[in-house]
């Protein structure tokens, strides 16, 4: 069930800037499928923040750190009281998996309907 997006004429993307990706021949493509729509590729504020963080600590959320708690508190302070729990994951796939597990645990059902 796993297929390459462009099986007949695959793209070899070698770099990106802003909302565009560039292939090995320099052809520019508007990036509508990667998870960069909000700020674009190579955004200076994002790359600077990432660099500063990686100079200090480069790990994931499986370890305790005060910043995770502080971020969760700041985030939930902007939401209705019912939305007072945060789960940090690293991808949409992990978020979907967690949502499905939580729903199954809460409802006690295993059935799922999806759209293809």
C-alpha atoms as a PDB file:
ATOM      1  CA  UNK A   1       0.000   0.000   0.000  1.00  0.00           C
ATOM      2  CA  UNK A   2       3.021   2.304   0.051  1.00  0.00           C
ATOM      3  CA  UNK A   3       3.747   4.010  -3.250  1.00  0.00           C
ATOM      4  CA  UNK A   4       6.059   6.754  -4.450  1.00  0.00           C
ATOM      5  CA  UNK A   5       4.073   9.917  -5.273  1.00  0.00           C
ATOM      6  CA  UNK A   6       5.628  10.311  -8.721  1.00  0.00           C
ATOM      7  CA  UNK A   7       6.412   6.727  -9.742  1.00  0.00           C
ATOM      8  CA  UNK A   8       6.583   7.397 -13.521  1.00  0.00           C
ATOM      9  CA  UNK A   9       8.732  10.511 -13.335  1.00  0.00           C
ATOM     10  CA  UNK A  10      10.128  10.825  -9.780  1.00  0.00           C
ATOM     11  CA  UNK A  11      11.262  14.194  -8.496  1.00  0.00           C
ATOM     12  CA  UNK A  12      14.677  14.519  -6.944  1.00  0.00           C
ATOM     13  CA  UNK A  13      14.303  17.519  -4.643  1.00  0.00           C
ATOM     14  CA  UNK A  14      17.663  18.878  -3.502  1.00  0.00           C
ATOM     15  CA  UNK A  15      16.802  22.101  -1.676  1.00  0.00           C
ATOM     16  CA  UNK A  16      13.956  24.384  -0.594  1.00  0.00           C
ATOM     17  CA  UNK A  17      13.383  28.026   0.272  1.00  0.00           C
ATOM     18  CA  UNK A  18      10.181  29.663   1.478  1.00  0.00           C
ATOM     19  CA  UNK A  19       7.207  27.943  -0.133  1.00  0.00           C
ATOM     20  CA  UNK A  20       9.235  26.417  -2.970  1.00  0.00           C
ATOM     21  CA  UNK A  21      11.251  23.249  -3.496  1.00  0.00           C
ATOM     22  CA  UNK A  22      13.878  22.865  -6.219  1.00  0.00           C
ATOM     23  CA  UNK A  23      14.832  19.754  -8.143  1.00  0.00           C
ATOM     24  CA  UNK A  24      18.312  18.678  -9.211  1.00  0.00           C
ATOM     25  CA  UNK A  25      17.960  20.747 -12.402  1.00  0.00           C
ATOM     26  CA  UNK A  26      16.920  23.922 -10.584  1.00  0.00           C
ATOM     27  CA  UNK A  27      13.218  23.670 -11.534  1.00  0.00           C
ATOM     28  CA  UNK A  28      11.002  25.342  -8.905  1.00  0.00           C
ATOM     29  CA  UNK A  29       7.901  23.637  -7.428  1.00  0.00           C
ATOM     30  CA  UNK A  30       5.298  25.126  -5.097  1.00  0.00           C
ATOM     31  CA  UNK A  31       5.304  22.945  -1.982  1.00  0.00           C
ATOM     32  CA  UNK A  32       1.712  22.016  -1.213  1.00  0.00           C
ATOM     33  CA  UNK A  33       2.301  18.653   0.486  1.00  0.00           C
ATOM     34  CA  UNK A  34       5.066  19.025   3.077  1.00  0.00           C
ATOM     35  CA  UNK A  35       4.335  20.378   6.533  1.00  0.00           C
ATOM     36  CA  UNK A  36       5.773  23.850   5.958  1.00  0.00           C
ATOM     37  CA  UNK A  37       2.741  25.807   4.826  1.00  0.00           C
ATOM     38  CA  UNK A  38       2.716  28.113   7.858  1.00  0.00           C
ATOM     39  CA  UNK A  39       6.242  29.500   7.709  1.00  0.00           C
ATOM     40  CA  UNK A  40       7.929  27.970   4.661  1.00  0.00           C
ATOM     41  CA  UNK A  41      11.240  26.195   4.252  1.00  0.00           C
ATOM     42  CA  UNK A  42      14.354  27.724   5.820  1.00  0.00           C
ATOM     43  CA  UNK A  43      12.459  30.490   7.643  1.00  0.00           C
ATOM     44  CA  UNK A  44      15.154  32.444   9.534  1.00  0.00           C
ATOM     45  CA  UNK A  45      13.219  32.647  12.818  1.00  0.00           C
ATOM     46  CA  UNK A  46      12.572  28.898  12.776  1.00  0.00           C
ATOM     47  CA  UNK A  47      16.113  27.918  11.797  1.00  0.00           C
ATOM     48  CA  UNK A  48      17.586  30.295  14.411  1.00  0.00           C
ATOM     49  CA  UNK A  49      15.315  28.905  17.134  1.00  0.00           C
ATOM     50  CA  UNK A  50      16.121  25.324  16.101  1.00  0.00           C
ATOM     51  CA  UNK A  51      19.857  26.055  16.072  1.00  0.00           C
ATOM     52  CA  UNK A  52      19.727  27.642  19.537  1.00  0.00           C
ATOM     53  CA  UNK A  53      17.787  24.673  20.891  1.00  0.00           C
ATOM     54  CA  UNK A  54      20.105  22.084  19.319  1.00  0.00           C
ATOM     55  CA  UNK A  55      23.125  23.914  20.778  1.00  0.00           C
ATOM     56  CA  UNK A  56      21.548  23.421  24.217  1.00  0.00           C
ATOM     57  CA  UNK A  57      19.754  20.061  23.971  1.00  0.00           C
ATOM     58  CA  UNK A  58      18.684  17.874  21.078  1.00  0.00           C
ATOM     59  CA  UNK A  59      16.264  15.196  22.227  1.00  0.00           C
ATOM     60  CA  UNK A  60      12.571  14.385  22.111  1.00  0.00           C
ATOM     61  CA  UNK A  61       9.716  14.580  24.596  1.00  0.00           C
ATOM     62  CA  UNK A  62      10.297  11.183  26.222  1.00  0.00           C
ATOM     63  CA  UNK A  63      12.464  12.859  28.870  1.00  0.00           C
ATOM     64  CA  UNK A  64      11.260  15.331  31.472  1.00  0.00           C
ATOM     65  CA  UNK A  65      12.038  18.986  30.894  1.00  0.00           C
ATOM     66  CA  UNK A  66      10.562  22.148  32.405  1.00  0.00           C
ATOM     67  CA  UNK A  67       9.980  23.692  28.964  1.00  0.00           C
ATOM     68  CA  UNK A  68       7.448  20.981  28.100  1.00  0.00           C
ATOM     69  CA  UNK A  69       5.412  21.788  31.192  1.00  0.00           C
ATOM     70  CA  UNK A  70       5.700  25.545  30.662  1.00  0.00           C
ATOM     71  CA  UNK A  71       4.638  25.251  27.027  1.00  0.00           C
ATOM     72  CA  UNK A  72       1.670  23.038  27.943  1.00  0.00           C
ATOM     73  CA  UNK A  73       0.578  25.553  30.595  1.00  0.00           C
ATOM     74  CA  UNK A  74       0.858  28.495  28.172  1.00  0.00           C
ATOM     75  CA  UNK A  75      -1.018  26.562  25.485  1.00  0.00           C
ATOM     76  CA  UNK A  76      -3.860  25.320  27.682  1.00  0.00           C
ATOM     77  CA  UNK A  77      -4.292  28.806  29.191  1.00  0.00           C
ATOM     78  CA  UNK A  78      -5.566  29.900  25.765  1.00  0.00           C
ATOM     79  CA  UNK A  79      -8.138  27.094  25.515  1.00  0.00           C
ATOM     80  CA  UNK A  80     -11.464  26.248  27.179  1.00  0.00           C
ATOM     81  CA  UNK A  81     -11.101  24.422  30.510  1.00  0.00           C
ATOM     82  CA  UNK A  82     -12.218  21.095  28.981  1.00  0.00           C
ATOM     83  CA  UNK A  83      -9.112  21.197  26.788  1.00  0.00           C
ATOM     84  CA  UNK A  84      -6.612  21.116  29.626  1.00  0.00           C
ATOM     85  CA  UNK A  85      -4.410  18.138  28.697  1.00  0.00           C
ATOM     86  CA  UNK A  86      -1.540  18.139  26.195  1.00  0.00           C
ATOM     87  CA  UNK A  87       0.045  15.202  24.446  1.00  0.00           C
ATOM     88  CA  UNK A  88       3.242  15.993  22.581  1.00  0.00           C
ATOM     89  CA  UNK A  89       3.987  13.880  19.533  1.00  0.00           C
ATOM     90  CA  UNK A  90       6.372  14.365  16.637  1.00  0.00           C
ATOM     91  CA  UNK A  91       4.165  13.781  13.601  1.00  0.00           C
ATOM     92  CA  UNK A  92       0.629  13.704  12.249  1.00  0.00           C
ATOM     93  CA  UNK A  93       0.859   9.913  12.127  1.00  0.00           C
ATOM     94  CA  UNK A  94       1.651   9.746  15.830  1.00  0.00           C
ATOM     95  CA  UNK A  95      -1.162  12.214  16.573  1.00  0.00           C
ATOM     96  CA  UNK A  96      -3.648  10.100  14.610  1.00  0.00           C
ATOM     97  CA  UNK A  97      -2.456   6.919  16.298  1.00  0.00           C
ATOM     98  CA  UNK A  98      -2.815   8.495  19.747  1.00  0.00           C
ATOM     99  CA  UNK A  99      -6.272   9.881  18.944  1.00  0.00           C
ATOM    100  CA  UNK A 100      -7.421   6.445  17.802  1.00  0.00           C
ATOM    101  CA  UNK A 101      -6.026   4.759  20.920  1.00  0.00           C
ATOM    102  CA  UNK A 102      -7.663   7.329  23.203  1.00  0.00           C
ATOM    103  CA  UNK A 103     -11.019   7.009  21.443  1.00  0.00           C
ATOM    104  CA  UNK A 104     -10.899   3.207  21.626  1.00  0.00           C
ATOM    105  CA  UNK A 105     -10.000   3.304  25.314  1.00  0.00           C
ATOM    106  CA  UNK A 106     -12.719   5.845  26.136  1.00  0.00           C
ATOM    107  CA  UNK A 107     -15.533   4.245  24.118  1.00  0.00           C
ATOM    108  CA  UNK A 108     -14.515   0.609  24.396  1.00  0.00           C
ATOM    109  CA  UNK A 109     -15.076   0.029  20.668  1.00  0.00           C
ATOM    110  CA  UNK A 110     -12.572  -1.148  18.064  1.00  0.00           C
ATOM    111  CA  UNK A 111     -14.432  -0.227  14.855  1.00  0.00           C
ATOM    112  CA  UNK A 112     -13.168   2.604  12.671  1.00  0.00           C
ATOM    113  CA  UNK A 113     -14.618   4.261   9.565  1.00  0.00           C
ATOM    114  CA  UNK A 114     -12.173   6.005   7.228  1.00  0.00           C
ATOM    115  CA  UNK A 115     -12.411   7.769   3.900  1.00  0.00           C
ATOM    116  CA  UNK A 116     -10.052   6.787   1.118  1.00  0.00           C
END
